[in-house]
Amino acid sequence: MTEPVSASESEQPLSPSGCTVGTHANISGDVQGVSFRAAAKTEADDLGLVGWVCNTESGGVELLVGGAGPAVDSLLRWAEEGPESAQVTEVTQREATSEELASLPRSGFEIRR
């Protein structure tokens, strides 16, 4: 009989930064020039996440985030609204690839240009 995987085994780090969950997201709408990146960094820092956020050429915002599952989920829920001055129309997300997870910073959340 196979024993169930314990919680600690199912949450083994997936990357050098120690993340157990990684997500890549694109946020569309009126999200540039409204301090979205700075607010995302504040939220991510408060949640103890690692990753980065940047503007895209198409006028959106892109982020790659890693950390504990509930904290990642919390940041993604926040991104659906963003800061008060933002008008988010869509958030598309997918699981981060192993290459993306490996590229995450070891600590902290960065605003990229």
N, C-alpha and C. Protein backbone atom coordinates (compact mmCIF):
# COMPACT_ATOMS: atom_id res chain seq x y z
N MET A 1 0.84 -1.18 0.00
CA MET A 1 0.00 0.00 0.00
C MET A 1 0.89 1.24 0.00
N THR A 2 0.57 2.18 -0.88
CA THR A 2 1.34 3.41 -0.96
C THR A 2 0.86 4.38 0.11
N GLU A 3 1.81 4.95 0.82
CA GLU A 3 1.45 5.91 1.85
C GLU A 3 1.25 7.28 1.22
N PRO A 4 0.32 8.07 1.73
CA PRO A 4 0.12 9.42 1.19
C PRO A 4 1.37 10.27 1.42
N VAL A 5 1.56 11.20 0.53
CA VAL A 5 2.69 12.13 0.67
C VAL A 5 2.38 13.08 1.79
N SER A 6 3.33 13.27 2.68
CA SER A 6 3.10 14.20 3.79
C SER A 6 3.14 15.62 3.28
N ALA A 7 2.56 16.53 4.03
CA ALA A 7 2.52 17.93 3.64
C ALA A 7 3.92 18.48 3.40
N SER A 8 4.87 18.08 4.24
CA SER A 8 6.22 18.61 4.08
C SER A 8 6.87 18.08 2.81
N GLU A 9 6.57 16.83 2.41
CA GLU A 9 7.13 16.29 1.19
C GLU A 9 6.51 16.92 -0.05
N SER A 10 5.22 17.26 0.01
CA SER A 10 4.55 17.83 -1.14
C SER A 10 4.92 19.29 -1.34
N GLU A 11 5.55 19.90 -0.36
CA GLU A 11 5.92 21.30 -0.48
C GLU A 11 7.44 21.47 -0.49
N GLN A 12 8.12 20.56 -1.14
CA GLN A 12 9.56 20.66 -1.27
C GLN A 12 9.89 21.84 -2.19
N PRO A 13 10.97 22.57 -1.93
CA PRO A 13 11.33 23.70 -2.77
C PRO A 13 11.51 23.27 -4.22
N LEU A 14 11.00 24.09 -5.12
CA LEU A 14 11.09 23.83 -6.55
C LEU A 14 12.22 24.63 -7.20
N SER A 15 12.82 25.52 -6.46
CA SER A 15 13.84 26.39 -7.05
C SER A 15 14.91 26.72 -6.03
N PRO A 16 16.03 27.28 -6.49
CA PRO A 16 17.09 27.68 -5.56
C PRO A 16 16.61 28.68 -4.51
N SER A 17 15.56 29.44 -4.83
CA SER A 17 15.07 30.43 -3.86
C SER A 17 14.24 29.78 -2.77
N GLY A 18 13.95 28.48 -2.90
CA GLY A 18 13.18 27.77 -1.88
C GLY A 18 11.68 27.82 -2.10
N CYS A 19 11.23 28.27 -3.27
CA CYS A 19 9.80 28.38 -3.54
C CYS A 19 9.15 27.02 -3.69
N THR A 20 7.92 26.93 -3.21
CA THR A 20 7.13 25.71 -3.40
C THR A 20 6.10 25.91 -4.50
N VAL A 21 5.78 27.16 -4.84
CA VAL A 21 4.82 27.48 -5.89
C VAL A 21 5.38 28.64 -6.69
N GLY A 22 5.23 28.57 -8.01
CA GLY A 22 5.65 29.67 -8.87
C GLY A 22 4.59 29.93 -9.93
N THR A 23 4.30 31.21 -10.15
CA THR A 23 3.28 31.60 -11.12
C THR A 23 3.78 32.76 -11.95
N HIS A 24 3.46 32.70 -13.24
CA HIS A 24 3.72 33.79 -14.17
C HIS A 24 2.37 34.40 -14.50
N ALA A 25 2.25 35.73 -14.45
CA ALA A 25 0.97 36.38 -14.73
C ALA A 25 1.17 37.60 -15.61
N ASN A 26 0.17 37.87 -16.44
CA ASN A 26 0.09 39.09 -17.23
C ASN A 26 -1.18 39.81 -16.82
N ILE A 27 -1.03 41.10 -16.53
CA ILE A 27 -2.15 41.92 -16.09
C ILE A 27 -2.42 42.96 -17.16
N SER A 28 -3.66 43.04 -17.62
CA SER A 28 -4.05 43.99 -18.67
C SER A 28 -4.98 45.05 -18.09
N GLY A 29 -5.06 46.15 -18.81
CA GLY A 29 -5.93 47.26 -18.43
C GLY A 29 -5.13 48.53 -18.31
N ASP A 30 -5.65 49.47 -17.55
CA ASP A 30 -4.94 50.72 -17.28
C ASP A 30 -4.06 50.47 -16.06
N VAL A 31 -2.88 49.86 -16.33
CA VAL A 31 -2.02 49.41 -15.23
C VAL A 31 -0.61 50.00 -15.29
N GLN A 32 -0.35 50.84 -16.28
CA GLN A 32 0.94 51.53 -16.33
C GLN A 32 0.73 52.99 -15.99
N GLY A 33 1.71 53.56 -15.27
CA GLY A 33 1.61 54.95 -14.87
C GLY A 33 0.67 55.16 -13.68
N VAL A 34 0.34 54.08 -12.98
CA VAL A 34 -0.57 54.16 -11.83
C VAL A 34 0.05 53.52 -10.58
N SER A 35 1.36 53.37 -10.59
CA SER A 35 2.12 52.79 -9.47
C SER A 35 1.80 51.33 -9.22
N PHE A 36 1.38 50.61 -10.26
CA PHE A 36 1.06 49.19 -10.11
C PHE A 36 2.28 48.40 -9.66
N ARG A 37 3.43 48.64 -10.32
CA ARG A 37 4.63 47.87 -9.98
C ARG A 37 5.06 48.11 -8.54
N ALA A 38 5.06 49.36 -8.10
CA ALA A 38 5.47 49.67 -6.73
C ALA A 38 4.51 49.04 -5.72
N ALA A 39 3.22 49.10 -6.02
CA ALA A 39 2.23 48.50 -5.11
C ALA A 39 2.37 46.98 -5.09
N ALA A 40 2.65 46.38 -6.25
CA ALA A 40 2.85 44.92 -6.31
C ALA A 40 4.06 44.52 -5.48
N LYS A 41 5.12 45.31 -5.54
CA LYS A 41 6.31 45.01 -4.74
C LYS A 41 5.98 45.09 -3.26
N THR A 42 5.26 46.09 -2.85
CA THR A 42 4.87 46.23 -1.44
C THR A 42 4.06 45.02 -0.98
N GLU A 43 3.08 44.63 -1.80
CA GLU A 43 2.25 43.47 -1.47
C GLU A 43 3.11 42.20 -1.37
N ALA A 44 3.96 41.99 -2.37
CA ALA A 44 4.81 40.80 -2.40
C ALA A 44 5.77 40.77 -1.21
N ASP A 45 6.35 41.93 -0.89
CA ASP A 45 7.25 42.00 0.27
C ASP A 45 6.50 41.67 1.56
N ASP A 46 5.29 42.21 1.71
CA ASP A 46 4.49 41.95 2.90
C ASP A 46 4.14 40.46 3.02
N LEU A 47 4.01 39.78 1.88
CA LEU A 47 3.65 38.36 1.87
C LEU A 47 4.87 37.44 1.92
N GLY A 48 6.08 38.03 1.88
CA GLY A 48 7.30 37.24 1.93
C GLY A 48 7.59 36.48 0.65
N LEU A 49 7.19 37.04 -0.50
CA LEU A 49 7.38 36.39 -1.79
C LEU A 49 8.65 36.85 -2.47
N VAL A 50 9.11 36.06 -3.43
CA VAL A 50 10.23 36.45 -4.28
C VAL A 50 9.72 36.55 -5.71
N GLY A 51 10.44 37.34 -6.51
CA GLY A 51 10.07 37.46 -7.91
C GLY A 51 10.33 38.83 -8.46
N TRP A 52 9.59 39.17 -9.51
CA TRP A 52 9.76 40.47 -10.15
C TRP A 52 8.47 40.89 -10.85
N VAL A 53 8.39 42.18 -11.13
CA VAL A 53 7.27 42.76 -11.86
C VAL A 53 7.84 43.77 -12.84
N CYS A 54 7.26 43.84 -14.04
CA CYS A 54 7.73 44.81 -15.04
C CYS A 54 6.58 45.22 -15.95
N ASN A 55 6.75 46.38 -16.60
CA ASN A 55 5.81 46.82 -17.62
C ASN A 55 6.09 46.04 -18.89
N THR A 56 5.06 45.86 -19.71
CA THR A 56 5.23 45.22 -21.01
C THR A 56 5.08 46.26 -22.11
N GLU A 57 5.60 45.94 -23.28
CA GLU A 57 5.48 46.86 -24.41
C GLU A 57 4.03 47.06 -24.83
N SER A 58 3.18 46.09 -24.54
CA SER A 58 1.77 46.17 -24.94
C SER A 58 0.92 47.00 -23.98
N GLY A 59 1.54 47.56 -22.94
CA GLY A 59 0.81 48.41 -22.00
C GLY A 59 0.33 47.70 -20.75
N GLY A 60 0.69 46.45 -20.58
CA GLY A 60 0.30 45.70 -19.41
C GLY A 60 1.42 45.60 -18.40
N VAL A 61 1.24 44.72 -17.45
CA VAL A 61 2.24 44.43 -16.44
C VAL A 61 2.42 42.92 -16.40
N GLU A 62 3.66 42.50 -16.26
CA GLU A 62 3.99 41.07 -16.17
C GLU A 62 4.64 40.83 -14.83
N LEU A 63 4.32 39.67 -14.23
CA LEU A 63 5.02 39.33 -12.99
C LEU A 63 5.32 37.84 -12.93
N LEU A 64 6.40 37.56 -12.26
CA LEU A 64 6.81 36.18 -11.96
C LEU A 64 7.00 36.15 -10.46
N VAL A 65 6.27 35.26 -9.81
CA VAL A 65 6.27 35.25 -8.35
C VAL A 65 6.41 33.82 -7.84
N GLY A 66 7.13 33.68 -6.74
CA GLY A 66 7.31 32.37 -6.12
C GLY A 66 7.22 32.49 -4.62
N GLY A 67 6.80 31.41 -4.01
CA GLY A 67 6.70 31.37 -2.55
C GLY A 67 5.73 30.30 -2.12
N ALA A 68 5.25 30.41 -0.90
CA ALA A 68 4.26 29.47 -0.39
C ALA A 68 2.94 29.68 -1.12
N GLY A 69 2.24 28.59 -1.41
CA GLY A 69 1.02 28.64 -2.18
C GLY A 69 0.00 29.68 -1.74
N PRO A 70 -0.38 29.73 -0.46
CA PRO A 70 -1.39 30.71 -0.03
C PRO A 70 -0.93 32.16 -0.25
N ALA A 71 0.35 32.43 -0.06
CA ALA A 71 0.85 33.79 -0.26
C ALA A 71 0.83 34.16 -1.75
N VAL A 72 1.22 33.22 -2.61
CA VAL A 72 1.16 33.47 -4.06
C VAL A 72 -0.28 33.73 -4.47
N ASP A 73 -1.20 32.92 -3.99
CA ASP A 73 -2.62 33.11 -4.30
C ASP A 73 -3.11 34.48 -3.84
N SER A 74 -2.66 34.91 -2.68
CA SER A 74 -3.07 36.21 -2.16
C SER A 74 -2.60 37.35 -3.07
N LEU A 75 -1.36 37.28 -3.55
CA LEU A 75 -0.86 38.31 -4.45
C LEU A 75 -1.65 38.30 -5.76
N LEU A 76 -1.96 37.14 -6.28
CA LEU A 76 -2.72 37.06 -7.52
C LEU A 76 -4.13 37.61 -7.35
N ARG A 77 -4.75 37.37 -6.20
CA ARG A 77 -6.07 37.97 -5.94
C ARG A 77 -5.95 39.49 -5.88
N TRP A 78 -4.88 39.99 -5.22
CA TRP A 78 -4.65 41.43 -5.16
C TRP A 78 -4.49 42.00 -6.57
N ALA A 79 -3.77 41.30 -7.45
CA ALA A 79 -3.50 41.79 -8.81
C ALA A 79 -4.78 41.96 -9.62
N GLU A 80 -5.85 41.25 -9.26
CA GLU A 80 -7.11 41.40 -9.98
C GLU A 80 -7.72 42.78 -9.80
N GLU A 81 -7.33 43.48 -8.74
CA GLU A 81 -7.78 44.85 -8.49
C GLU A 81 -6.64 45.84 -8.64
N GLY A 82 -5.46 45.48 -8.11
CA GLY A 82 -4.31 46.36 -8.15
C GLY A 82 -4.48 47.55 -7.23
N PRO A 83 -3.62 48.56 -7.39
CA PRO A 83 -3.76 49.76 -6.56
C PRO A 83 -5.03 50.52 -6.96
N GLU A 84 -5.43 51.43 -6.10
CA GLU A 84 -6.69 52.16 -6.30
C GLU A 84 -6.78 52.84 -7.66
N SER A 85 -5.68 53.37 -8.16
CA SER A 85 -5.71 54.11 -9.42
C SER A 85 -5.68 53.22 -10.66
N ALA A 86 -5.51 51.94 -10.51
CA ALA A 86 -5.46 51.02 -11.65
C ALA A 86 -6.87 50.59 -12.07
N GLN A 87 -6.98 50.21 -13.32
CA GLN A 87 -8.22 49.64 -13.86
C GLN A 87 -7.85 48.32 -14.52
N VAL A 88 -7.84 47.24 -13.74
CA VAL A 88 -7.46 45.92 -14.25
C VAL A 88 -8.64 45.34 -15.02
N THR A 89 -8.36 44.89 -16.26
CA THR A 89 -9.41 44.26 -17.07
C THR A 89 -9.24 42.75 -17.15
N GLU A 90 -8.00 42.27 -17.01
CA GLU A 90 -7.77 40.83 -17.11
C GLU A 90 -6.45 40.44 -16.45
N VAL A 91 -6.46 39.29 -15.79
CA VAL A 91 -5.24 38.69 -15.26
C VAL A 91 -5.19 37.27 -15.82
N THR A 92 -4.17 37.00 -16.62
CA THR A 92 -3.97 35.64 -17.10
C THR A 92 -2.76 35.09 -16.37
N GLN A 93 -2.87 33.84 -15.96
CA GLN A 93 -1.78 33.24 -15.20
C GLN A 93 -1.57 31.80 -15.61
N ARG A 94 -0.36 31.35 -15.36
CA ARG A 94 0.01 29.96 -15.62
C ARG A 94 1.09 29.58 -14.63
N GLU A 95 1.27 28.29 -14.46
CA GLU A 95 2.34 27.80 -13.59
C GLU A 95 3.68 28.18 -14.21
N ALA A 96 4.60 28.62 -13.38
CA ALA A 96 5.93 28.98 -13.87
C ALA A 96 6.67 27.73 -14.34
N THR A 97 7.47 27.90 -15.39
CA THR A 97 8.28 26.79 -15.89
C THR A 97 9.46 26.57 -14.95
N SER A 98 10.11 25.44 -15.10
CA SER A 98 11.28 25.17 -14.26
C SER A 98 12.38 26.19 -14.52
N GLU A 99 12.50 26.66 -15.77
CA GLU A 99 13.50 27.69 -16.09
C GLU A 99 13.16 29.00 -15.38
N GLU A 100 11.88 29.36 -15.38
CA GLU A 100 11.47 30.58 -14.70
C GLU A 100 11.70 30.47 -13.20
N LEU A 101 11.37 29.32 -12.62
CA LEU A 101 11.61 29.13 -11.19
C LEU A 101 13.10 29.26 -10.87
N ALA A 102 13.93 28.70 -11.72
CA ALA A 102 15.38 28.77 -11.49
C ALA A 102 15.90 30.20 -11.59
N SER A 103 15.17 31.06 -12.34
CA SER A 103 15.62 32.44 -12.53
C SER A 103 15.14 33.39 -11.43
N LEU A 104 14.29 32.90 -10.54
CA LEU A 104 13.80 33.77 -9.47
C LEU A 104 14.94 34.24 -8.58
N PRO A 105 14.85 35.46 -8.09
CA PRO A 105 15.87 35.91 -7.13
C PRO A 105 15.84 35.04 -5.88
N ARG A 106 16.99 34.90 -5.23
CA ARG A 106 17.06 34.10 -4.00
C ARG A 106 16.24 34.73 -2.89
N SER A 107 16.11 36.04 -2.91
CA SER A 107 15.30 36.73 -1.91
C SER A 107 14.80 38.04 -2.50
N GLY A 108 13.69 38.50 -1.98
CA GLY A 108 13.16 39.79 -2.36
C GLY A 108 12.34 39.78 -3.64
N PHE A 109 11.67 40.88 -3.84
CA PHE A 109 10.81 41.07 -5.01
C PHE A 109 11.29 42.34 -5.71
N GLU A 110 11.54 42.26 -7.00
CA GLU A 110 12.17 43.34 -7.75
C GLU A 110 11.20 44.02 -8.71
N ILE A 111 11.40 45.32 -8.88
CA ILE A 111 10.73 46.05 -9.96
C ILE A 111 11.74 46.11 -11.10
N ARG A 112 11.37 45.55 -12.23
CA ARG A 112 12.24 45.57 -13.39
C ARG A 112 11.76 46.60 -14.39
N ARG A 113 12.69 47.17 -15.11
CA ARG A 113 12.38 48.20 -16.10
C ARG A 113 12.19 47.59 -17.46
